[in-house]
């Protein structure tokens, strides 16, 4: 049973939103990507208004574990579905559980994990075999840009 208070829940929600904003702004800054909000919070309000009541529960359940963003790289043309997480520290068992849950419905999804100690980016299907997360590749987001956004993350968290 979860003994989390409403304030604790709100704090975690805010940290998660900050991590999503860090991801979104950082990738938008690098001109080789288009970032499209894709997650449950982005899709459901729009879809619900176009569906009949009896269809909503199945639809919502199917989308509940949708990754947060579609990340479109321009060269080469590629679409990645990305789940964004904030973690104060990396707990690989919990990350593996999250990756497994996402992979059950979204086989090609990735996880971006923002922590005060670094930014990480891995393919969900590969995480089960990892003992640690892979730092965000500097060829994707240059180190100096990562450092700027990591500093911003620390400032708000």
Protein backbone atom coordinates (compact mmCIF):
# COMPACT_ATOMS: atom_id res chain seq x y z
CA UNK A 1 0.00 0.00 0.00
CA UNK A 2 1.24 3.48 -0.85
CA UNK A 3 1.53 5.79 2.18
CA UNK A 4 2.44 8.79 0.06
CA UNK A 5 0.82 12.05 1.15
CA UNK A 6 -0.85 14.35 -1.39
CA UNK A 7 2.08 16.77 -1.04
CA UNK A 8 4.62 13.98 -1.65
CA UNK A 9 2.64 12.90 -4.71
CA UNK A 10 2.61 16.50 -5.97
CA UNK A 11 6.37 16.82 -5.45
CA UNK A 12 7.01 13.67 -7.49
CA UNK A 13 4.64 14.88 -10.21
CA UNK A 14 6.44 18.24 -10.40
CA UNK A 15 9.86 16.54 -10.60
CA UNK A 16 8.57 14.34 -13.42
CA UNK A 17 7.24 17.36 -15.32
CA UNK A 18 10.58 19.14 -14.89
CA UNK A 19 12.39 16.08 -16.32
CA UNK A 20 9.97 16.08 -19.27
CA UNK A 21 10.59 19.79 -19.89
CA UNK A 22 14.36 19.26 -19.70
CA UNK A 23 14.11 16.45 -22.27
CA UNK A 24 11.81 18.41 -24.56
CA UNK A 25 13.76 21.68 -24.47
CA UNK A 26 17.15 20.01 -24.81
CA UNK A 27 16.13 18.00 -27.88
CA UNK A 28 14.31 20.95 -29.44
CA UNK A 29 17.51 22.98 -29.07
CA UNK A 30 19.44 20.47 -31.16
CA UNK A 31 18.19 21.12 -34.68
CA UNK A 32 18.24 17.49 -35.79
CA UNK A 33 15.07 16.52 -33.90
CA UNK A 34 11.36 17.18 -33.78
CA UNK A 35 9.84 16.52 -30.34
CA UNK A 36 6.16 15.57 -30.23
CA UNK A 37 4.30 15.13 -26.90
CA UNK A 38 2.89 11.62 -27.08
CA UNK A 39 2.07 10.41 -23.58
CA UNK A 40 -1.13 9.63 -21.78
CA UNK A 41 -1.55 13.18 -20.50
CA UNK A 42 -1.18 14.59 -24.01
CA UNK A 43 -3.35 12.11 -25.89
CA UNK A 44 -6.28 11.24 -23.62
CA UNK A 45 -7.95 14.68 -23.30
CA UNK A 46 -8.04 14.99 -27.08
CA UNK A 47 -9.18 11.44 -27.81
CA UNK A 48 -11.87 11.22 -25.14
CA UNK A 49 -13.93 13.96 -26.76
CA UNK A 50 -14.12 11.93 -30.00
CA UNK A 51 -15.08 8.55 -28.58
CA UNK A 52 -18.33 7.09 -27.32
CA UNK A 53 -18.53 6.43 -23.56
CA UNK A 54 -18.37 2.62 -23.86
CA UNK A 55 -15.23 2.86 -26.00
CA UNK A 56 -13.34 5.12 -23.60
CA UNK A 57 -12.26 2.59 -20.96
CA UNK A 58 -10.62 0.23 -23.47
CA UNK A 59 -9.01 3.12 -25.30
CA UNK A 60 -7.70 4.72 -22.13
CA UNK A 61 -6.37 1.40 -20.84
CA UNK A 62 -4.50 0.78 -24.11
CA UNK A 63 -2.85 4.21 -23.96
CA UNK A 64 -2.18 4.37 -20.21
CA UNK A 65 1.43 3.21 -20.57
CA UNK A 66 2.21 5.24 -23.68
CA UNK A 67 5.68 6.81 -23.70
CA UNK A 68 5.82 10.55 -23.10
CA UNK A 69 7.26 11.69 -26.43
CA UNK A 70 7.79 10.76 -30.04
CA UNK A 71 11.27 11.93 -30.98
CA UNK A 72 11.81 12.28 -34.72
CA UNK A 73 15.40 12.47 -35.87
CA UNK A 74 15.83 14.21 -39.20
CA UNK A 75 18.97 12.43 -40.36
CA UNK A 76 18.52 9.54 -40.71
CA UNK A 77 14.73 9.70 -40.56
CA UNK A 78 13.81 7.73 -37.46
CA UNK A 79 11.03 7.89 -34.84
CA UNK A 80 11.75 6.95 -31.23
CA UNK A 81 9.07 6.66 -28.56
CA UNK A 82 10.57 7.93 -25.31
CA UNK A 83 9.46 7.51 -21.71
CA UNK A 84 10.94 10.24 -19.51
CA UNK A 85 11.68 9.63 -15.83
CA UNK A 86 13.19 11.67 -13.03
CA UNK A 87 15.13 9.72 -10.42
CA UNK A 88 17.07 11.15 -7.50
CA UNK A 89 19.36 8.14 -7.93
CA UNK A 90 19.40 5.12 -10.23
CA UNK A 91 17.81 1.95 -8.88
CA UNK A 92 18.37 -0.55 -11.69
CA UNK A 93 15.74 -2.98 -10.43
CA UNK A 94 13.05 -0.29 -10.61
CA UNK A 95 14.31 0.93 -13.97
CA UNK A 96 14.19 -2.66 -15.28
CA UNK A 97 10.59 -3.02 -14.00
CA UNK A 98 9.61 0.21 -15.74
CA UNK A 99 11.31 -0.85 -18.98
CA UNK A 100 9.61 -4.24 -18.90
CA UNK A 101 6.18 -2.66 -18.32
CA UNK A 102 6.66 -0.23 -21.20
CA UNK A 103 8.09 -2.92 -23.51
CA UNK A 104 5.03 -5.10 -23.00
CA UNK A 105 2.96 -2.60 -25.00
CA UNK A 106 5.54 -0.44 -26.77
CA UNK A 107 8.27 -2.78 -28.00
CA UNK A 108 10.41 -0.06 -29.59
CA UNK A 109 10.33 2.42 -26.70
CA UNK A 110 13.31 4.14 -25.09
CA UNK A 111 13.85 5.54 -21.59
CA UNK A 112 15.38 8.93 -20.88
CA UNK A 113 16.28 9.23 -17.21
CA UNK A 114 17.19 12.57 -15.66
CA UNK A 115 19.08 12.48 -12.35
CA UNK A 116 21.07 15.13 -10.48
CA UNK A 117 24.19 13.12 -11.42
CA UNK A 118 23.55 12.79 -15.14
CA UNK A 119 21.26 12.16 -18.08
CA UNK A 120 20.75 8.63 -19.39
CA UNK A 121 19.18 7.21 -22.55
CA UNK A 122 18.59 3.52 -23.29
CA UNK A 123 16.46 1.25 -25.46
CA UNK A 124 13.89 -0.45 -23.18
CA UNK A 125 14.47 -3.90 -24.65
CA UNK A 126 18.19 -3.67 -23.78
CA UNK A 127 17.76 -2.53 -20.18
CA UNK A 128 16.99 -5.99 -18.80
CA UNK A 129 20.57 -7.05 -19.60
CA UNK A 130 22.26 -3.90 -18.26
CA UNK A 131 23.80 -3.36 -14.85
CA UNK A 132 23.78 0.41 -15.28
CA UNK A 133 22.14 2.96 -17.53
CA UNK A 134 23.98 4.40 -20.52
CA UNK A 135 24.83 8.11 -20.32
CA UNK A 136 23.15 10.23 -22.99
CA UNK A 137 25.43 10.09 -26.03
CA UNK A 138 27.33 13.32 -26.69
CA UNK A 139 26.80 12.78 -30.42
CA UNK A 140 23.06 13.09 -29.81
CA UNK A 141 23.23 16.02 -27.38
CA UNK A 142 26.65 17.71 -27.05
CA UNK A 143 28.22 17.65 -23.60
CA UNK A 144 28.03 21.43 -23.08
CA UNK A 145 24.28 21.43 -23.78
CA UNK A 146 23.78 18.44 -21.47
CA UNK A 147 25.66 20.28 -18.72
CA UNK A 148 23.49 23.39 -19.14
CA UNK A 149 20.28 21.39 -18.79
CA UNK A 150 21.66 19.26 -15.98
CA UNK A 151 22.47 22.47 -14.11
CA UNK A 152 18.93 23.67 -14.74
CA UNK A 153 17.54 20.36 -13.45
CA UNK A 154 19.60 20.68 -10.25
CA UNK A 155 18.41 24.26 -9.78
CA UNK A 156 14.75 23.24 -9.77
CA UNK A 157 14.99 19.85 -8.04
